[in-house]
Amino acid sequence: MTRRHFLSVSGAVVASPNDTIQLGLIGCGARGKGVHIPRFLKYPNVRFTAVCDVNAKYLAESRQLAGGERVAAYHDYRKLLDSKDVDAVIVASNQQWHALQTIDACKAGKDVYMEKPLGNSIGEGPYVMQAWKKYGRVVQVGTQQRSQQHYQQAVELIRAGKLGEIS
């Protein structure tokens, strides 16, 4: 995986000096352990250095999947954000936490890929935007319907005019 490809997939920008992107995962449920850990483990210059979940079973399972004992495990996401061994975080927790955890990650100097939705209300959006601007971070909210291969192919067909005029 190239750094440019990683950025396009995840929105994370900062890499450690050896150009390995060190990830922290907040939320080890279905999306965290079932999607994000397997996806990012495929890339040689990306590694998980920390995982976090309040559910001890999910936390233990995700730690093992992400790299075992070399991966720090936290029940409190703020402890993960304090770690100097984390460059960027994936926020895959319950949606009521997304905005707050993203704001806190920006304050801690971490770039963020966040599962959708950004928040529970439209009012949370401006606070997230203020945080990434104030702290100079990159934040991406994931919508797989925009990034999956078959959707990208559909966009290419439409742009190439293969389906005629779309209205």
Protein backbone atom coordinates (compact mmCIF):
# COMPACT_ATOMS: atom_id res chain seq x y z
CA MET A 1 0.00 0.00 0.00
CA THR A 2 1.35 3.41 -0.87
CA ARG A 3 0.96 6.34 1.47
CA ARG A 4 -1.19 8.11 -1.13
CA HIS A 5 -3.52 5.09 -1.40
CA PHE A 6 -3.80 4.87 2.38
CA LEU A 7 -4.77 8.54 2.53
CA SER A 8 -7.43 8.05 -0.11
CA VAL A 9 -8.84 5.02 1.72
CA SER A 10 -8.70 6.24 5.28
CA GLY A 11 -8.14 9.97 5.49
CA ALA A 12 -5.19 9.47 7.83
CA VAL A 13 -2.23 11.73 7.08
CA VAL A 14 0.48 11.59 9.69
CA ALA A 15 3.01 8.77 9.63
CA SER A 16 5.76 8.03 12.08
CA PRO A 17 9.32 8.91 11.05
CA ASN A 18 9.89 5.44 9.59
CA ASP A 19 6.81 5.98 7.40
CA THR A 20 4.79 3.29 9.15
CA ILE A 21 1.34 4.57 10.01
CA GLN A 22 0.50 3.58 13.57
CA LEU A 23 -3.23 3.16 14.08
CA GLY A 24 -5.44 3.14 17.10
CA LEU A 25 -8.90 1.61 16.90
CA ILE A 26 -11.68 3.02 19.08
CA GLY A 27 -14.60 0.62 19.03
CA CYS A 28 -13.91 -3.09 18.59
CA GLY A 29 -17.36 -4.30 17.63
CA ALA A 30 -18.50 -5.55 14.24
CA ARG A 31 -17.03 -2.70 12.17
CA GLY A 32 -13.82 -2.43 14.14
CA LYS A 33 -12.78 -6.06 14.31
CA GLY A 34 -14.76 -7.33 11.36
CA VAL A 35 -13.86 -4.69 8.79
CA HIS A 36 -11.10 -2.30 9.81
CA ILE A 37 -8.58 -4.63 11.43
CA PRO A 38 -8.59 -7.17 8.57
CA ARG A 39 -8.52 -4.43 5.93
CA PHE A 40 -5.58 -2.50 7.36
CA LEU A 41 -3.53 -5.55 8.32
CA LYS A 42 -3.11 -6.22 4.59
CA TYR A 43 -0.76 -3.25 4.24
CA PRO A 44 2.88 -3.61 5.27
CA ASN A 45 3.39 0.05 6.28
CA VAL A 46 0.30 0.21 8.50
CA ARG A 47 0.12 -1.38 11.91
CA PHE A 48 -2.18 -1.24 14.88
CA THR A 49 -0.50 -0.06 18.05
CA ALA A 50 -3.62 0.29 20.22
CA VAL A 51 -7.23 -0.82 20.46
CA CYS A 52 -9.99 0.41 22.76
CA ASP A 53 -13.41 -0.80 23.81
CA VAL A 54 -15.47 -0.85 27.01
CA ASN A 55 -16.46 -4.45 26.26
CA ALA A 56 -13.67 -6.67 27.59
CA LYS A 57 -14.48 -9.56 25.22
CA TYR A 58 -14.39 -7.35 22.10
CA LEU A 59 -11.23 -5.67 23.34
CA ALA A 60 -9.39 -8.97 23.88
CA GLU A 61 -10.51 -10.39 20.51
CA SER A 62 -9.51 -7.24 18.66
CA ARG A 63 -6.16 -7.03 20.37
CA GLN A 64 -5.37 -10.56 19.23
CA LEU A 65 -6.51 -9.85 15.67
CA ALA A 66 -4.56 -6.58 15.52
CA GLY A 67 -1.22 -8.04 16.59
CA GLY A 68 -1.45 -9.61 20.03
CA GLU A 69 0.61 -8.48 23.01
CA ARG A 70 2.47 -5.76 21.09
CA VAL A 71 -0.86 -3.89 20.73
CA ALA A 72 -1.90 -1.80 23.73
CA ALA A 73 -5.45 -2.34 24.99
CA TYR A 74 -7.53 0.36 26.64
CA HIS A 75 -11.02 0.58 28.10
CA ASP A 76 -10.89 4.41 28.07
CA TYR A 77 -10.40 5.99 24.65
CA ARG A 78 -8.74 9.04 26.21
CA LYS A 79 -5.83 6.84 27.33
CA LEU A 80 -5.42 5.63 23.74
CA LEU A 81 -5.38 9.24 22.54
CA ASP A 82 -2.62 10.04 25.05
CA SER A 83 -0.36 7.43 23.45
CA LYS A 84 2.59 8.74 21.44
CA ASP A 85 2.55 5.40 19.60
CA VAL A 86 -0.66 6.30 17.75
CA ASP A 87 -0.55 8.54 14.66
CA ALA A 88 -4.17 8.23 13.55
CA VAL A 89 -7.36 6.68 14.87
CA ILE A 90 -10.31 4.85 13.48
CA VAL A 91 -13.51 5.73 15.35
CA ALA A 92 -15.83 2.74 15.05
CA SER A 93 -17.59 3.09 18.41
CA ASN A 94 -21.32 3.52 18.96
CA GLN A 95 -22.53 6.49 16.97
CA GLN A 96 -23.39 8.65 19.96
CA TRP A 97 -19.63 8.84 20.66
CA HIS A 98 -18.40 9.67 17.16
CA ALA A 99 -18.34 13.47 17.38
CA LEU A 100 -16.84 13.67 20.89
CA GLN A 101 -14.16 11.06 20.22
CA THR A 102 -13.23 12.75 16.95
CA ILE A 103 -12.95 16.17 18.59
CA ASP A 104 -10.81 14.69 21.37
CA ALA A 105 -8.62 12.91 18.80
CA CYS A 106 -8.04 16.19 16.94
CA LYS A 107 -7.08 17.88 20.23
CA ALA A 108 -4.62 15.03 20.85
CA GLY A 109 -2.98 15.60 17.45
CA LYS A 110 -4.42 12.53 15.74
CA ASP A 111 -5.95 12.30 12.28
CA VAL A 112 -9.27 10.47 12.17
CA TYR A 113 -11.23 8.09 10.01
CA MET A 114 -14.71 7.92 11.48
CA GLU A 115 -17.50 5.52 10.71
CA LYS A 116 -20.74 7.15 9.72
CA PRO A 117 -22.68 8.97 10.99
CA LEU A 118 -20.66 11.96 12.09
CA GLY A 119 -23.06 12.51 14.97
CA ASN A 120 -26.56 12.12 16.27
CA SER A 121 -27.65 15.60 15.22
CA ILE A 122 -26.71 18.09 12.56
CA GLY A 123 -25.59 20.43 15.34
CA GLU A 124 -22.57 18.25 16.13
CA GLY A 125 -21.03 18.76 12.70
CA PRO A 126 -19.80 22.34 13.18
CA TYR A 127 -17.98 21.35 16.39
CA VAL A 128 -16.12 18.57 14.59
CA MET A 129 -15.24 20.99 11.79
CA GLN A 130 -13.97 23.56 14.28
CA ALA A 131 -11.75 20.93 15.90
CA TRP A 132 -10.09 19.70 12.72
CA LYS A 133 -9.49 23.26 11.57
CA LYS A 134 -8.20 24.50 14.93
CA TYR A 135 -5.82 21.57 15.42
CA GLY A 136 -4.85 21.13 11.75
CA ARG A 137 -6.03 17.54 11.51
CA VAL A 138 -7.57 15.48 8.73
CA VAL A 139 -10.97 13.93 9.42
CA GLN A 140 -12.86 11.65 7.07
CA VAL A 141 -16.32 10.21 7.62
CA GLY A 142 -16.68 6.85 5.93
CA THR A 143 -19.43 5.96 3.57
CA GLN A 144 -18.51 2.69 1.94
CA GLN A 145 -21.13 3.22 -0.71
CA ARG A 146 -18.80 5.86 -2.12
CA SER A 147 -15.58 3.87 -1.89
CA GLN A 148 -16.46 0.29 -2.80
CA GLN A 149 -15.21 -0.88 -6.18
CA HIS A 150 -18.60 -1.53 -7.78
CA TYR A 151 -19.75 2.02 -6.96
CA GLN A 152 -16.55 3.46 -8.43
CA GLN A 153 -17.15 1.46 -11.61
CA ALA A 154 -20.72 2.77 -11.81
CA VAL A 155 -19.44 6.35 -11.56
CA GLU A 156 -16.93 5.65 -14.34
CA LEU A 157 -19.71 4.30 -16.59
CA ILE A 158 -21.88 7.34 -15.95
CA ARG A 159 -19.04 9.81 -16.52
CA ALA A 160 -18.03 8.04 -19.72
CA GLY A 161 -21.59 8.46 -21.05
CA LYS A 162 -22.15 4.70 -21.36
CA LEU A 163 -25.65 4.97 -19.83
CA GLY A 164 -26.76 7.92 -21.92
CA GLU A 165 -28.14 11.07 -20.41
CA ILE A 166 -28.95 10.72 -16.72
CA SER A 167 -31.63 12.98 -15.30
